Every structure is written in structure tokens, then in C-alpha cells.
Amino acid sequence: MNKHTPAPWHVGIGNGEGSIFSDSGRTRLEDGGTTLYPICSYNRGWNADEDAANARLIAAAPELLEALIALLNVESAALHGARTSAANDGLDVPYHFEAARAAIAKATGGAR
């Protein structure tokens, strides 16, 4: 369904600072080795705290999308009278809310 690079994504450090990378990697074998390509690059320099917050938000995007889709599926099932349990097509409400909380924490640097 989704055409974006699979999660999880992380903020680059060291030589990768200023970029967002996928943990599953976007690599290409080339002469002399392998090159890791970022999902995207972000500008740095305006305000370091704001730059870091923007990078966290971008890196959390796949998890935020997944959590929202899961919560909408739970809501849809509830509206249609389905029981929400682990045995009912993976509609484990506490799990999905915890996934949403984790995605928010990743996007905000731990703050909720």
C-alpha cells in the first residue's frame, strides 16, 4: 500500500548529520564500496533546537502514519460492532494506543 521507504527511520549522526536514514538501508553497490543514501536531508543552522525537533518529526513519520492507520482501523471496527481484541484481526486496542504513544515520543524527543 505505502510506497515510502520502510520504517524505522533515524536521524543521521557524524558524517550523516543533516540527513534522515532508513534502518533497513537504501544502499547501492558501487566501485570502491557501498553507498548509503538518505531518505531526505534537512537544513541546519537556523535554530539548533528547532532543527533537531524537525529531524525527529521527519524520522518518526512512518511510525506516526502506521499508528494513525491502526487507530482508524480500531475505530472503524468499533463503529461496526466488532470486538477489539488480539484474536480479532490484530485489533489490540492497548497495543495500538501504545504504538501511537511511542511514535509521538519519537517525534517529540520523549515529550508527550
C-alpha atoms as a PDB file:
ATOM      1  CA  MET A   1       0.000   0.000   0.000  1.00  0.00           C
ATOM      2  CA  ASN A   2       2.646   2.537   1.034  1.00  0.00           C
ATOM      3  CA  LYS A   3       5.347   3.416  -1.446  1.00  0.00           C
ATOM      4  CA  HIS A   4       7.660   5.100   1.052  1.00  0.00           C
ATOM      5  CA  THR A   5      10.871   3.563   2.358  1.00  0.00           C
ATOM      6  CA  PRO A   6      10.070   1.105   5.178  1.00  0.00           C
ATOM      7  CA  ALA A   7      10.427   2.182   8.799  1.00  0.00           C
ATOM      8  CA  PRO A   8      12.141   2.674  11.108  1.00  0.00           C
ATOM      9  CA  TRP A   9      13.912   5.865  10.122  1.00  0.00           C
ATOM     10  CA  HIS A  10      16.532   7.646  12.211  1.00  0.00           C
ATOM     11  CA  VAL A  11      18.331  10.976  12.318  1.00  0.00           C
ATOM     12  CA  GLY A  12      21.860  10.728  10.985  1.00  0.00           C
ATOM     13  CA  ILE A  13      24.857  11.444  13.187  1.00  0.00           C
ATOM     14  CA  GLY A  14      28.528  12.030  12.401  1.00  0.00           C
ATOM     15  CA  ASN A  15      29.029  12.034   8.617  1.00  0.00           C
ATOM     16  CA  GLY A  16      25.265  11.553   8.231  1.00  0.00           C
ATOM     17  CA  GLU A  17      24.320  14.652  10.227  1.00  0.00           C
ATOM     18  CA  GLY A  18      21.693  16.653   8.380  1.00  0.00           C
ATOM     19  CA  SER A  19      20.043  13.567   6.889  1.00  0.00           C
ATOM     20  CA  ILE A  20      17.361  11.009   7.724  1.00  0.00           C
ATOM     21  CA  PHE A  21      18.187   7.353   7.058  1.00  0.00           C
ATOM     22  CA  SER A  22      16.197   4.128   6.990  1.00  0.00           C
ATOM     23  CA  ASP A  23      17.314   1.384   9.364  1.00  0.00           C
ATOM     24  CA  SER A  24      16.655  -1.102   6.554  1.00  0.00           C
ATOM     25  CA  GLY A  25      19.087   0.903   4.441  1.00  0.00           C
ATOM     26  CA  ARG A  26      18.994   2.378   0.987  1.00  0.00           C
ATOM     27  CA  THR A  27      22.308   1.182  -0.345  1.00  0.00           C
ATOM     28  CA  ARG A  28      23.842   0.678  -3.738  1.00  0.00           C
ATOM     29  CA  LEU A  29      26.964  -1.299  -4.544  1.00  0.00           C
ATOM     30  CA  GLU A  30      29.388   0.929  -6.404  1.00  0.00           C
ATOM     31  CA  ASP A  31      33.005   0.851  -7.436  1.00  0.00           C
ATOM     32  CA  GLY A  32      35.032   1.009  -4.266  1.00  0.00           C
ATOM     33  CA  GLY A  33      32.263   0.018  -1.856  1.00  0.00           C
ATOM     34  CA  THR A  34      28.674   0.567  -0.866  1.00  0.00           C
ATOM     35  CA  THR A  35      26.940   3.923  -0.603  1.00  0.00           C
ATOM     36  CA  LEU A  36      24.164   4.563   1.913  1.00  0.00           C
ATOM     37  CA  TYR A  37      21.601   7.067   0.658  1.00  0.00           C
ATOM     38  CA  PRO A  38      19.434   9.168   2.966  1.00  0.00           C
ATOM     39  CA  ILE A  39      15.638   9.327   2.864  1.00  0.00           C
ATOM     40  CA  CYS A  40      15.998  13.098   2.882  1.00  0.00           C
ATOM     41  CA  SER A  41      18.261  15.891   4.007  1.00  0.00           C
ATOM     42  CA  TYR A  42      17.252  18.809   6.179  1.00  0.00           C
ATOM     43  CA  ASN A  43      18.683  22.283   6.599  1.00  0.00           C
ATOM     44  CA  ARG A  44      20.634  23.084   9.720  1.00  0.00           C
ATOM     45  CA  GLY A  45      21.720  26.390  11.124  1.00  0.00           C
ATOM     46  CA  TRP A  46      18.627  28.488  11.767  1.00  0.00           C
ATOM     47  CA  ASN A  47      17.969  27.220  15.277  1.00  0.00           C
ATOM     48  CA  ALA A  48      19.652  24.025  16.514  1.00  0.00           C
ATOM     49  CA  ASP A  49      16.761  23.008  18.796  1.00  0.00           C
ATOM     50  CA  GLU A  50      14.184  23.592  16.071  1.00  0.00           C
ATOM     51  CA  ASP A  51      16.345  21.747  13.521  1.00  0.00           C
ATOM     52  CA  ALA A  52      16.601  18.740  15.864  1.00  0.00           C
ATOM     53  CA  ALA A  53      12.835  18.784  16.506  1.00  0.00           C
ATOM     54  CA  ASN A  54      12.126  18.902  12.761  1.00  0.00           C
ATOM     55  CA  ALA A  55      14.501  15.995  12.157  1.00  0.00           C
ATOM     56  CA  ARG A  56      12.810  13.897  14.883  1.00  0.00           C
ATOM     57  CA  LEU A  57       9.390  14.609  13.386  1.00  0.00           C
ATOM     58  CA  ILE A  58      10.520  13.570   9.906  1.00  0.00           C
ATOM     59  CA  ALA A  59      12.196  10.412  11.253  1.00  0.00           C
ATOM     60  CA  ALA A  60       9.008   9.462  13.130  1.00  0.00           C
ATOM     61  CA  ALA A  61       6.746   9.932  10.083  1.00  0.00           C
ATOM     62  CA  PRO A  62       6.399   6.218   9.157  1.00  0.00           C
ATOM     63  CA  GLU A  63       5.539   5.221  12.735  1.00  0.00           C
ATOM     64  CA  LEU A  64       3.078   8.107  13.055  1.00  0.00           C
ATOM     65  CA  LEU A  65       1.370   7.068   9.814  1.00  0.00           C
ATOM     66  CA  GLU A  66       1.219   3.415  10.891  1.00  0.00           C
ATOM     67  CA  ALA A  67      -0.196   4.345  14.307  1.00  0.00           C
ATOM     68  CA  LEU A  68      -2.893   6.569  12.797  1.00  0.00           C
ATOM     69  CA  ILE A  69      -3.924   3.886  10.309  1.00  0.00           C
ATOM     70  CA  ALA A  70      -4.128   1.298  13.119  1.00  0.00           C
ATOM     71  CA  LEU A  71      -6.200   3.594  15.318  1.00  0.00           C
ATOM     72  CA  LEU A  72      -8.585   4.326  12.457  1.00  0.00           C
ATOM     73  CA  ASN A  73      -8.968   0.576  11.913  1.00  0.00           C
ATOM     74  CA  VAL A  74      -9.803   0.142  15.606  1.00  0.00           C
ATOM     75  CA  GLU A  75     -12.316   2.994  15.402  1.00  0.00           C
ATOM     76  CA  SER A  76     -13.883   1.546  12.262  1.00  0.00           C
ATOM     77  CA  ALA A  77     -14.212  -1.886  13.868  1.00  0.00           C
ATOM     78  CA  ALA A  78     -15.742  -0.363  16.996  1.00  0.00           C
ATOM     79  CA  LEU A  79     -18.263   1.583  14.925  1.00  0.00           C
ATOM     80  CA  HIS A  80     -19.242  -1.609  13.145  1.00  0.00           C
ATOM     81  CA  GLY A  81     -19.664  -3.571  16.372  1.00  0.00           C
ATOM     82  CA  ALA A  82     -16.535  -5.708  16.139  1.00  0.00           C
ATOM     83  CA  ARG A  83     -14.871  -6.809  19.326  1.00  0.00           C
ATOM     84  CA  THR A  84     -11.409  -5.320  19.681  1.00  0.00           C
ATOM     85  CA  SER A  85      -9.040  -7.997  20.888  1.00  0.00           C
ATOM     86  CA  ALA A  86      -5.788  -9.604  19.831  1.00  0.00           C
ATOM     87  CA  ALA A  87      -7.817 -12.509  18.421  1.00  0.00           C
ATOM     88  CA  ASN A  88      -9.883 -10.190  16.209  1.00  0.00           C
ATOM     89  CA  ASP A  89      -7.709  -9.339  13.199  1.00  0.00           C
ATOM     90  CA  GLY A  90      -4.991  -7.727  15.310  1.00  0.00           C
ATOM     91  CA  LEU A  91      -7.260  -5.040  16.745  1.00  0.00           C
ATOM     92  CA  ASP A  92      -5.487  -4.987  20.090  1.00  0.00           C
ATOM     93  CA  VAL A  93      -6.544  -1.556  21.356  1.00  0.00           C
ATOM     94  CA  PRO A  94      -3.924  -1.168  24.133  1.00  0.00           C
ATOM     95  CA  TYR A  95      -1.162  -2.187  21.711  1.00  0.00           C
ATOM     96  CA  HIS A  96      -2.241   0.364  19.089  1.00  0.00           C
ATOM     97  CA  PHE A  97      -2.516   3.161  21.638  1.00  0.00           C
ATOM     98  CA  GLU A  98       0.947   2.293  22.971  1.00  0.00           C
ATOM     99  CA  ALA A  99       2.316   2.309  19.395  1.00  0.00           C
ATOM    100  CA  ALA A 100       0.781   5.764  18.939  1.00  0.00           C
ATOM    101  CA  ARG A 101       2.363   6.956  22.205  1.00  0.00           C
ATOM    102  CA  ALA A 102       5.765   5.583  21.115  1.00  0.00           C
ATOM    103  CA  ALA A 103       5.539   7.312  17.729  1.00  0.00           C
ATOM    104  CA  ILE A 104       4.630  10.599  19.408  1.00  0.00           C
ATOM    105  CA  ALA A 105       7.543  10.207  21.842  1.00  0.00           C
ATOM    106  CA  LYS A 106       9.929   9.576  18.944  1.00  0.00           C
ATOM    107  CA  ALA A 107       8.632  12.645  17.101  1.00  0.00           C
ATOM    108  CA  THR A 108       8.850  14.895  20.152  1.00  0.00           C
ATOM    109  CA  GLY A 109      12.052  13.596  21.709  1.00  0.00           C
ATOM    110  CA  GLY A 110      10.233  11.864  24.548  1.00  0.00           C
ATOM    111  CA  ALA A 111       7.737  14.597  25.422  1.00  0.00           C
ATOM    112  CA  ARG A 112       4.021  13.902  25.088  1.00  0.00           C
END
